[in-house]
């Protein structure tokens, strides 16, 4: 049951975010000035599905342990997931690029903390978060330039 919840909860977070994203991409987002390194819109969905899967496995590897550190890591994960979840509604729903930038920078910092804390329970769970960290770093840079250009 924990394994299924670990896989589905991050995907659910992505699904909620996609509600705001899908509506805004053909209208508002298309009208924004974008940096030259902006990826094609179709790339975001598949990348996030993969990242949410990796996050879910990392979560499970902690949730399946019964240590104080593992329990802390699970709580940290769900707090982090809240910030992950609110980014898309803020960026695409509220169209507040600067507030979204603040959120994603905080999210990026939380991922670094999670990588450190997860390492103490499962090195594999920690390493599974590295692609997520790299993508959020890239997304933060993209968010910054979208704010500066618009």
N, C-alpha and C. Protein backbone atom coordinates (compact mmCIF):
# COMPACT_ATOMS: atom_id res chain seq x y z
N UNK A 1 0.82 -1.20 0.00
CA UNK A 1 0.00 0.00 0.00
C UNK A 1 0.87 1.26 0.00
N UNK A 2 1.94 1.26 0.80
CA UNK A 2 2.84 2.42 0.83
C UNK A 2 3.52 2.62 -0.52
N UNK A 3 3.86 1.52 -1.16
CA UNK A 3 4.51 1.66 -2.47
C UNK A 3 3.58 2.34 -3.46
N UNK A 4 2.34 1.89 -3.52
CA UNK A 4 1.37 2.48 -4.43
C UNK A 4 1.14 3.96 -4.10
N UNK A 5 0.99 4.27 -2.84
CA UNK A 5 0.81 5.67 -2.42
C UNK A 5 2.04 6.50 -2.77
N UNK A 6 3.22 5.93 -2.59
CA UNK A 6 4.45 6.64 -2.89
C UNK A 6 4.57 7.00 -4.38
N UNK A 7 4.08 6.12 -5.21
CA UNK A 7 4.13 6.37 -6.66
C UNK A 7 3.01 7.31 -7.08
N UNK A 8 1.82 7.11 -6.54
CA UNK A 8 0.67 7.88 -7.01
C UNK A 8 0.61 9.32 -6.48
N UNK A 9 1.03 9.54 -5.24
CA UNK A 9 0.91 10.89 -4.68
C UNK A 9 1.73 11.95 -5.43
N UNK A 10 2.99 11.68 -5.77
CA UNK A 10 3.69 12.67 -6.59
C UNK A 10 3.04 12.86 -7.96
N UNK A 11 2.57 11.77 -8.57
CA UNK A 11 1.90 11.89 -9.87
C UNK A 11 0.63 12.73 -9.75
N UNK A 12 -0.08 12.57 -8.64
CA UNK A 12 -1.28 13.36 -8.39
C UNK A 12 -0.94 14.84 -8.29
N UNK A 13 0.16 15.13 -7.63
CA UNK A 13 0.63 16.51 -7.55
C UNK A 13 0.86 17.07 -8.95
N UNK A 14 1.49 16.29 -9.79
CA UNK A 14 1.72 16.72 -11.18
C UNK A 14 0.42 16.89 -11.94
N UNK A 15 -0.53 16.03 -11.68
CA UNK A 15 -1.82 16.13 -12.35
C UNK A 15 -2.53 17.43 -11.98
N UNK A 16 -2.48 17.79 -10.70
CA UNK A 16 -3.08 19.04 -10.25
C UNK A 16 -2.41 20.22 -10.96
N UNK A 17 -1.10 20.20 -10.99
CA UNK A 17 -0.37 21.27 -11.68
C UNK A 17 -0.69 21.35 -13.14
N UNK A 18 -0.90 20.21 -13.77
CA UNK A 18 -1.17 20.20 -15.21
C UNK A 18 -2.51 20.84 -15.54
N UNK A 19 -3.43 20.84 -14.59
CA UNK A 19 -4.72 21.50 -14.81
C UNK A 19 -4.52 22.98 -15.15
N UNK A 20 -3.62 23.62 -14.42
CA UNK A 20 -3.33 25.04 -14.65
C UNK A 20 -2.44 25.23 -15.88
N UNK A 21 -1.52 24.31 -16.06
CA UNK A 21 -0.56 24.42 -17.15
C UNK A 21 -1.23 24.29 -18.51
N UNK A 22 -2.04 23.28 -18.68
CA UNK A 22 -2.67 23.00 -19.97
C UNK A 22 -3.52 24.17 -20.45
N UNK A 23 -4.20 24.82 -19.52
CA UNK A 23 -5.05 25.96 -19.90
C UNK A 23 -4.24 27.18 -20.31
N UNK A 24 -3.09 27.38 -19.67
CA UNK A 24 -2.33 28.62 -19.89
C UNK A 24 -1.33 28.53 -21.04
N UNK A 25 -0.89 27.33 -21.40
CA UNK A 25 0.15 27.22 -22.42
C UNK A 25 -0.29 27.80 -23.77
N UNK A 26 -1.46 27.44 -24.30
CA UNK A 26 -1.80 27.97 -25.63
C UNK A 26 -2.15 29.46 -25.63
N UNK A 27 -2.35 30.03 -24.49
CA UNK A 27 -2.75 31.45 -24.44
C UNK A 27 -1.64 32.29 -23.81
N UNK A 28 -1.65 32.40 -22.52
CA UNK A 28 -0.72 33.28 -21.80
C UNK A 28 0.74 32.89 -22.01
N UNK A 29 1.08 31.62 -21.80
CA UNK A 29 2.48 31.21 -21.87
C UNK A 29 3.06 31.42 -23.27
N UNK A 30 2.26 31.16 -24.28
CA UNK A 30 2.74 31.35 -25.67
C UNK A 30 3.06 32.82 -25.95
N UNK A 31 2.42 33.73 -25.23
CA UNK A 31 2.64 35.16 -25.48
C UNK A 31 3.87 35.70 -24.76
N UNK A 32 4.47 34.92 -23.88
CA UNK A 32 5.63 35.40 -23.13
C UNK A 32 6.88 35.42 -24.00
N UNK A 33 7.76 36.36 -23.72
CA UNK A 33 9.09 36.36 -24.31
C UNK A 33 9.90 35.29 -23.58
N UNK A 34 10.51 34.40 -24.34
CA UNK A 34 11.23 33.27 -23.74
C UNK A 34 12.70 33.33 -24.10
N UNK A 35 13.54 32.82 -23.19
CA UNK A 35 14.98 32.77 -23.51
C UNK A 35 15.25 31.72 -24.59
N UNK A 36 16.40 31.84 -25.21
CA UNK A 36 16.74 30.94 -26.32
C UNK A 36 16.86 29.49 -25.89
N UNK A 37 17.11 29.24 -24.62
CA UNK A 37 17.28 27.87 -24.13
C UNK A 37 15.97 27.25 -23.64
N UNK A 38 14.87 27.89 -23.93
CA UNK A 38 13.56 27.37 -23.52
C UNK A 38 13.24 26.10 -24.31
N UNK A 39 12.89 25.01 -23.63
CA UNK A 39 12.61 23.76 -24.34
C UNK A 39 11.23 23.81 -25.01
N UNK A 40 10.98 22.89 -25.94
CA UNK A 40 9.64 22.83 -26.54
C UNK A 40 8.61 22.43 -25.47
N UNK A 41 7.42 22.96 -25.61
CA UNK A 41 6.38 22.73 -24.60
C UNK A 41 6.07 21.26 -24.38
N UNK A 42 6.13 20.44 -25.42
CA UNK A 42 5.76 19.03 -25.31
C UNK A 42 6.72 18.26 -24.41
N UNK A 43 7.91 18.79 -24.15
CA UNK A 43 8.92 18.09 -23.37
C UNK A 43 8.61 18.06 -21.87
N UNK A 44 7.91 19.08 -21.38
CA UNK A 44 7.67 19.19 -19.94
C UNK A 44 6.89 18.01 -19.37
N UNK A 45 5.82 17.61 -20.04
CA UNK A 45 4.98 16.53 -19.52
C UNK A 45 5.74 15.23 -19.30
N UNK A 46 6.39 14.69 -20.33
CA UNK A 46 7.12 13.43 -20.14
C UNK A 46 8.23 13.51 -19.09
N UNK A 47 8.92 14.64 -19.05
CA UNK A 47 9.99 14.77 -18.05
C UNK A 47 9.41 14.73 -16.65
N UNK A 48 8.30 15.46 -16.44
CA UNK A 48 7.72 15.47 -15.10
C UNK A 48 7.16 14.11 -14.70
N UNK A 49 6.60 13.37 -15.62
CA UNK A 49 6.10 12.03 -15.28
C UNK A 49 7.26 11.16 -14.78
N UNK A 50 8.39 11.22 -15.47
CA UNK A 50 9.56 10.45 -15.07
C UNK A 50 10.09 10.92 -13.71
N UNK A 51 10.19 12.25 -13.55
CA UNK A 51 10.69 12.78 -12.28
C UNK A 51 9.78 12.42 -11.11
N UNK A 52 8.47 12.49 -11.32
CA UNK A 52 7.54 12.11 -10.25
C UNK A 52 7.67 10.63 -9.92
N UNK A 53 7.93 9.80 -10.91
CA UNK A 53 8.15 8.38 -10.66
C UNK A 53 9.40 8.18 -9.80
N UNK A 54 10.50 8.84 -10.18
CA UNK A 54 11.73 8.73 -9.40
C UNK A 54 11.54 9.25 -7.97
N UNK A 55 10.81 10.36 -7.84
CA UNK A 55 10.51 10.90 -6.52
C UNK A 55 9.70 9.89 -5.69
N UNK A 56 8.74 9.26 -6.33
CA UNK A 56 7.91 8.28 -5.64
C UNK A 56 8.70 7.09 -5.15
N UNK A 57 9.64 6.61 -5.96
CA UNK A 57 10.49 5.49 -5.53
C UNK A 57 11.37 5.93 -4.37
N UNK A 58 11.92 7.14 -4.47
CA UNK A 58 12.75 7.68 -3.38
C UNK A 58 11.94 7.79 -2.09
N UNK A 59 10.71 8.26 -2.23
CA UNK A 59 9.83 8.35 -1.06
C UNK A 59 9.61 6.96 -0.46
N UNK A 60 9.29 5.99 -1.29
CA UNK A 60 9.03 4.64 -0.79
C UNK A 60 10.24 4.05 -0.06
N UNK A 61 11.43 4.27 -0.59
CA UNK A 61 12.64 3.73 0.04
C UNK A 61 12.85 4.30 1.44
N UNK A 62 12.28 5.45 1.71
CA UNK A 62 12.32 6.01 3.06
C UNK A 62 11.12 5.58 3.88
N UNK A 63 9.95 5.60 3.25
CA UNK A 63 8.71 5.26 3.93
C UNK A 63 8.70 3.80 4.39
N UNK A 64 9.45 2.97 3.72
CA UNK A 64 9.48 1.54 4.07
C UNK A 64 10.41 1.25 5.25
N UNK A 65 11.16 2.24 5.68
CA UNK A 65 12.05 2.07 6.83
C UNK A 65 11.37 2.61 8.08
N UNK A 66 11.71 2.03 9.20
CA UNK A 66 11.08 2.44 10.46
C UNK A 66 12.11 3.07 11.39
N UNK A 67 12.78 4.11 10.89
CA UNK A 67 13.75 4.83 11.71
C UNK A 67 13.28 6.27 11.90
N UNK A 68 13.86 6.92 12.86
CA UNK A 68 13.52 8.32 13.12
C UNK A 68 13.86 9.18 11.90
N UNK A 69 15.02 8.93 11.32
CA UNK A 69 15.44 9.70 10.14
C UNK A 69 14.50 9.45 8.96
N UNK A 70 14.11 8.22 8.75
CA UNK A 70 13.20 7.89 7.64
C UNK A 70 11.86 8.58 7.83
N UNK A 71 11.36 8.58 9.05
CA UNK A 71 10.08 9.26 9.32
C UNK A 71 10.20 10.75 9.08
N UNK A 72 11.31 11.34 9.49
CA UNK A 72 11.56 12.75 9.22
C UNK A 72 11.59 13.00 7.71
N UNK A 73 12.27 12.11 6.98
CA UNK A 73 12.38 12.26 5.53
C UNK A 73 11.02 12.22 4.83
N UNK A 74 10.15 11.37 5.30
CA UNK A 74 8.81 11.28 4.72
C UNK A 74 8.06 12.59 4.97
N UNK A 75 8.15 13.12 6.16
CA UNK A 75 7.51 14.41 6.45
C UNK A 75 8.10 15.52 5.59
N UNK A 76 9.42 15.53 5.47
CA UNK A 76 10.10 16.52 4.63
C UNK A 76 9.64 16.40 3.18
N UNK A 77 9.49 15.17 2.72
CA UNK A 77 9.05 14.95 1.34
C UNK A 77 7.68 15.57 1.11
N UNK A 78 6.75 15.34 2.03
CA UNK A 78 5.39 15.86 1.82
C UNK A 78 5.34 17.38 1.94
N UNK A 79 6.16 17.96 2.78
CA UNK A 79 6.24 19.43 2.83
C UNK A 79 6.78 19.94 1.50
N UNK A 80 7.82 19.31 1.02
CA UNK A 80 8.40 19.68 -0.27
C UNK A 80 7.38 19.53 -1.40
N UNK A 81 6.60 18.45 -1.34
CA UNK A 81 5.62 18.20 -2.39
C UNK A 81 4.56 19.30 -2.44
N UNK A 82 4.25 19.87 -1.30
CA UNK A 82 3.32 21.00 -1.27
C UNK A 82 3.87 22.17 -2.10
N UNK A 83 5.15 22.48 -1.93
CA UNK A 83 5.75 23.58 -2.70
C UNK A 83 5.86 23.22 -4.17
N UNK A 84 6.11 21.97 -4.46
CA UNK A 84 6.11 21.51 -5.84
C UNK A 84 4.71 21.71 -6.44
N UNK A 85 3.71 21.35 -5.68
CA UNK A 85 2.33 21.42 -6.15
C UNK A 85 1.87 22.86 -6.40
N UNK A 86 2.28 23.80 -5.57
CA UNK A 86 1.75 25.17 -5.72
C UNK A 86 2.45 25.97 -6.81
N UNK A 87 3.60 25.51 -7.29
CA UNK A 87 4.32 26.30 -8.29
C UNK A 87 3.47 26.52 -9.55
N UNK A 88 2.91 25.48 -10.11
CA UNK A 88 2.13 25.62 -11.36
C UNK A 88 0.91 26.52 -11.19
N UNK A 89 0.12 26.37 -10.13
CA UNK A 89 -1.00 27.31 -9.97
C UNK A 89 -0.55 28.77 -9.82
N UNK A 90 0.58 28.98 -9.17
CA UNK A 90 1.08 30.36 -9.02
C UNK A 90 1.59 30.87 -10.37
N UNK A 91 2.39 30.09 -11.06
CA UNK A 91 2.96 30.52 -12.33
C UNK A 91 1.90 30.61 -13.43
N UNK A 92 1.20 29.51 -13.67
CA UNK A 92 0.26 29.44 -14.78
C UNK A 92 -1.14 29.94 -14.43
N UNK A 93 -1.55 29.76 -13.18
CA UNK A 93 -2.89 30.19 -12.76
C UNK A 93 -2.93 31.67 -12.40
N UNK A 94 -2.09 32.07 -11.45
CA UNK A 94 -2.04 33.47 -11.04
C UNK A 94 -1.21 34.33 -12.00
N UNK A 95 -0.39 33.65 -12.80
CA UNK A 95 0.52 34.33 -13.73
C UNK A 95 1.47 35.27 -12.99
N UNK A 96 1.88 34.84 -11.81
CA UNK A 96 2.80 35.61 -10.99
C UNK A 96 4.19 34.99 -11.13
N UNK A 97 4.93 35.47 -12.11
CA UNK A 97 6.22 34.87 -12.44
C UNK A 97 7.23 35.06 -11.31
N UNK A 98 7.21 36.22 -10.66
CA UNK A 98 8.17 36.46 -9.59
C UNK A 98 7.89 35.59 -8.36
N UNK A 99 6.64 35.49 -7.94
CA UNK A 99 6.31 34.63 -6.80
C UNK A 99 6.65 33.17 -7.13
N UNK A 100 6.39 32.76 -8.36
CA UNK A 100 6.75 31.41 -8.78
C UNK A 100 8.26 31.21 -8.70
N UNK A 101 9.02 32.25 -9.06
CA UNK A 101 10.48 32.18 -8.96
C UNK A 101 10.91 31.98 -7.51
N UNK A 102 10.31 32.70 -6.60
CA UNK A 102 10.63 32.53 -5.18
C UNK A 102 10.30 31.11 -4.71
N UNK A 103 9.17 30.60 -5.15
CA UNK A 103 8.76 29.24 -4.76
C UNK A 103 9.74 28.21 -5.31
N UNK A 104 10.12 28.35 -6.57
CA UNK A 104 10.98 27.32 -7.17
C UNK A 104 12.39 27.35 -6.59
N UNK A 105 12.86 28.53 -6.21
CA UNK A 105 14.18 28.60 -5.56
C UNK A 105 14.11 27.92 -4.19
N UNK A 106 13.03 28.15 -3.46
CA UNK A 106 12.84 27.47 -2.17
C UNK A 106 12.73 25.96 -2.38
N UNK A 107 11.99 25.55 -3.42
CA UNK A 107 11.85 24.14 -3.75
C UNK A 107 13.21 23.52 -4.05
N UNK A 108 14.01 24.21 -4.83
CA UNK A 108 15.35 23.73 -5.17
C UNK A 108 16.18 23.52 -3.90
N UNK A 109 16.12 24.46 -2.98
CA UNK A 109 16.85 24.33 -1.71
C UNK A 109 16.33 23.13 -0.91
N UNK A 110 15.02 22.94 -0.92
CA UNK A 110 14.45 21.79 -0.21
C UNK A 110 14.92 20.46 -0.82
N UNK A 111 15.06 20.42 -2.12
CA UNK A 111 15.54 19.20 -2.78
C UNK A 111 16.97 18.89 -2.36
N UNK A 112 17.80 19.92 -2.23
CA UNK A 112 19.17 19.72 -1.75
C UNK A 112 19.14 19.13 -0.34
N UNK A 113 18.30 19.67 0.52
CA UNK A 113 18.18 19.15 1.89
C UNK A 113 17.68 17.70 1.85
N UNK A 114 16.69 17.43 0.99
CA UNK A 114 16.17 16.05 0.89
C UNK A 114 17.26 15.09 0.43
N UNK A 115 18.06 15.48 -0.53
CA UNK A 115 19.14 14.61 -1.01
C UNK A 115 20.08 14.29 0.14
N UNK A 116 20.41 15.29 0.92
CA UNK A 116 21.29 15.08 2.07
C UNK A 116 20.65 14.15 3.11
N UNK A 117 19.42 14.43 3.46
CA UNK A 117 18.73 13.64 4.50
C UNK A 117 18.41 12.22 4.02
N UNK A 118 17.98 12.09 2.76
CA UNK A 118 17.65 10.77 2.23
C UNK A 118 18.89 9.87 2.19
N UNK A 119 20.06 10.46 1.96
CA UNK A 119 21.32 9.71 1.89
C UNK A 119 21.54 8.91 3.17
N UNK A 120 21.09 9.46 4.30
CA UNK A 120 21.29 8.82 5.60
C UNK A 120 20.44 7.56 5.77
N UNK A 121 19.41 7.44 4.96
CA UNK A 121 18.51 6.28 5.04
C UNK A 121 18.75 5.33 3.87
N UNK A 122 18.88 5.88 2.68
CA UNK A 122 19.06 5.07 1.48
C UNK A 122 19.80 5.89 0.44
N UNK A 123 20.99 5.48 0.11
CA UNK A 123 21.77 6.21 -0.89
C UNK A 123 21.06 6.21 -2.24
N UNK A 124 20.41 5.12 -2.55
CA UNK A 124 19.69 5.04 -3.82
C UNK A 124 18.58 6.09 -3.85
N UNK A 125 17.86 6.23 -2.75
CA UNK A 125 16.77 7.22 -2.71
C UNK A 125 17.32 8.62 -2.92
N UNK A 126 18.47 8.88 -2.37
CA UNK A 126 19.11 10.18 -2.53
C UNK A 126 19.49 10.41 -3.99
N UNK A 127 20.12 9.42 -4.59
CA UNK A 127 20.56 9.54 -5.99
C UNK A 127 19.39 9.67 -6.96
N UNK A 128 18.26 9.05 -6.61
CA UNK A 128 17.07 9.16 -7.46
C UNK A 128 16.56 10.60 -7.55
N UNK A 129 16.93 11.43 -6.58
CA UNK A 129 16.48 12.83 -6.57
C UNK A 129 17.40 13.76 -7.36
N UNK A 130 18.56 13.29 -7.78
CA UNK A 130 19.51 14.15 -8.49
C UNK A 130 18.95 14.64 -9.83
N UNK A 131 18.33 13.80 -10.65
CA UNK A 131 17.75 14.34 -11.89
C UNK A 131 16.69 15.41 -11.62
N UNK A 132 15.93 15.24 -10.57
CA UNK A 132 14.92 16.22 -10.16
C UNK A 132 15.60 17.54 -9.78
N UNK A 133 16.67 17.46 -9.01
CA UNK A 133 17.42 18.66 -8.63
C UNK A 133 17.93 19.39 -9.88
N UNK A 134 18.47 18.64 -10.82
CA UNK A 134 19.01 19.25 -12.04
C UNK A 134 17.90 19.90 -12.86
N UNK A 135 16.75 19.23 -12.97
CA UNK A 135 15.64 19.79 -13.75
C UNK A 135 15.09 21.05 -13.07
N UNK A 136 14.97 21.02 -11.75
CA UNK A 136 14.45 22.19 -11.05
C UNK A 136 15.45 23.34 -11.12
N UNK A 137 16.74 23.04 -11.14
CA UNK A 137 17.75 24.10 -11.33
C UNK A 137 17.55 24.74 -12.71
N UNK A 138 17.38 23.92 -13.72
CA UNK A 138 17.12 24.42 -15.08
C UNK A 138 15.81 25.19 -15.13
N UNK A 139 14.77 24.66 -14.51
CA UNK A 139 13.46 25.33 -14.50
C UNK A 139 13.54 26.65 -13.74
N UNK A 140 14.37 26.70 -12.69
CA UNK A 140 14.56 27.95 -11.95
C UNK A 140 15.21 29.01 -12.84
N UNK A 141 16.20 28.60 -13.59
CA UNK A 141 16.86 29.51 -14.51
C UNK A 141 15.88 30.00 -15.58
N UNK A 142 15.10 29.10 -16.09
CA UNK A 142 14.07 29.45 -17.07
C UNK A 142 13.06 30.42 -16.46
N UNK A 143 12.62 30.13 -15.24
CA UNK A 143 11.67 30.99 -14.53
C UNK A 143 12.27 32.39 -14.35
N UNK A 144 13.53 32.45 -13.97
CA UNK A 144 14.21 33.74 -13.77
C UNK A 144 14.19 34.55 -15.07
N UNK A 145 14.58 33.93 -16.17
CA UNK A 145 14.63 34.65 -17.43
C UNK A 145 13.23 35.04 -17.94
N UNK A 146 12.26 34.21 -17.67
CA UNK A 146 10.89 34.59 -18.03
C UNK A 146 10.46 35.83 -17.25
N UNK A 147 10.86 35.89 -15.99
CA UNK A 147 10.54 37.07 -15.18
C UNK A 147 11.27 38.31 -15.73
N UNK A 148 12.56 38.15 -16.04
CA UNK A 148 13.33 39.29 -16.54
C UNK A 148 12.86 39.77 -17.91
N UNK A 149 12.48 38.84 -18.76
CA UNK A 149 12.08 39.19 -20.13
C UNK A 149 10.65 39.70 -20.23
N UNK A 150 9.85 39.49 -19.18
CA UNK A 150 8.46 39.87 -19.25
C UNK A 150 8.09 40.82 -18.12
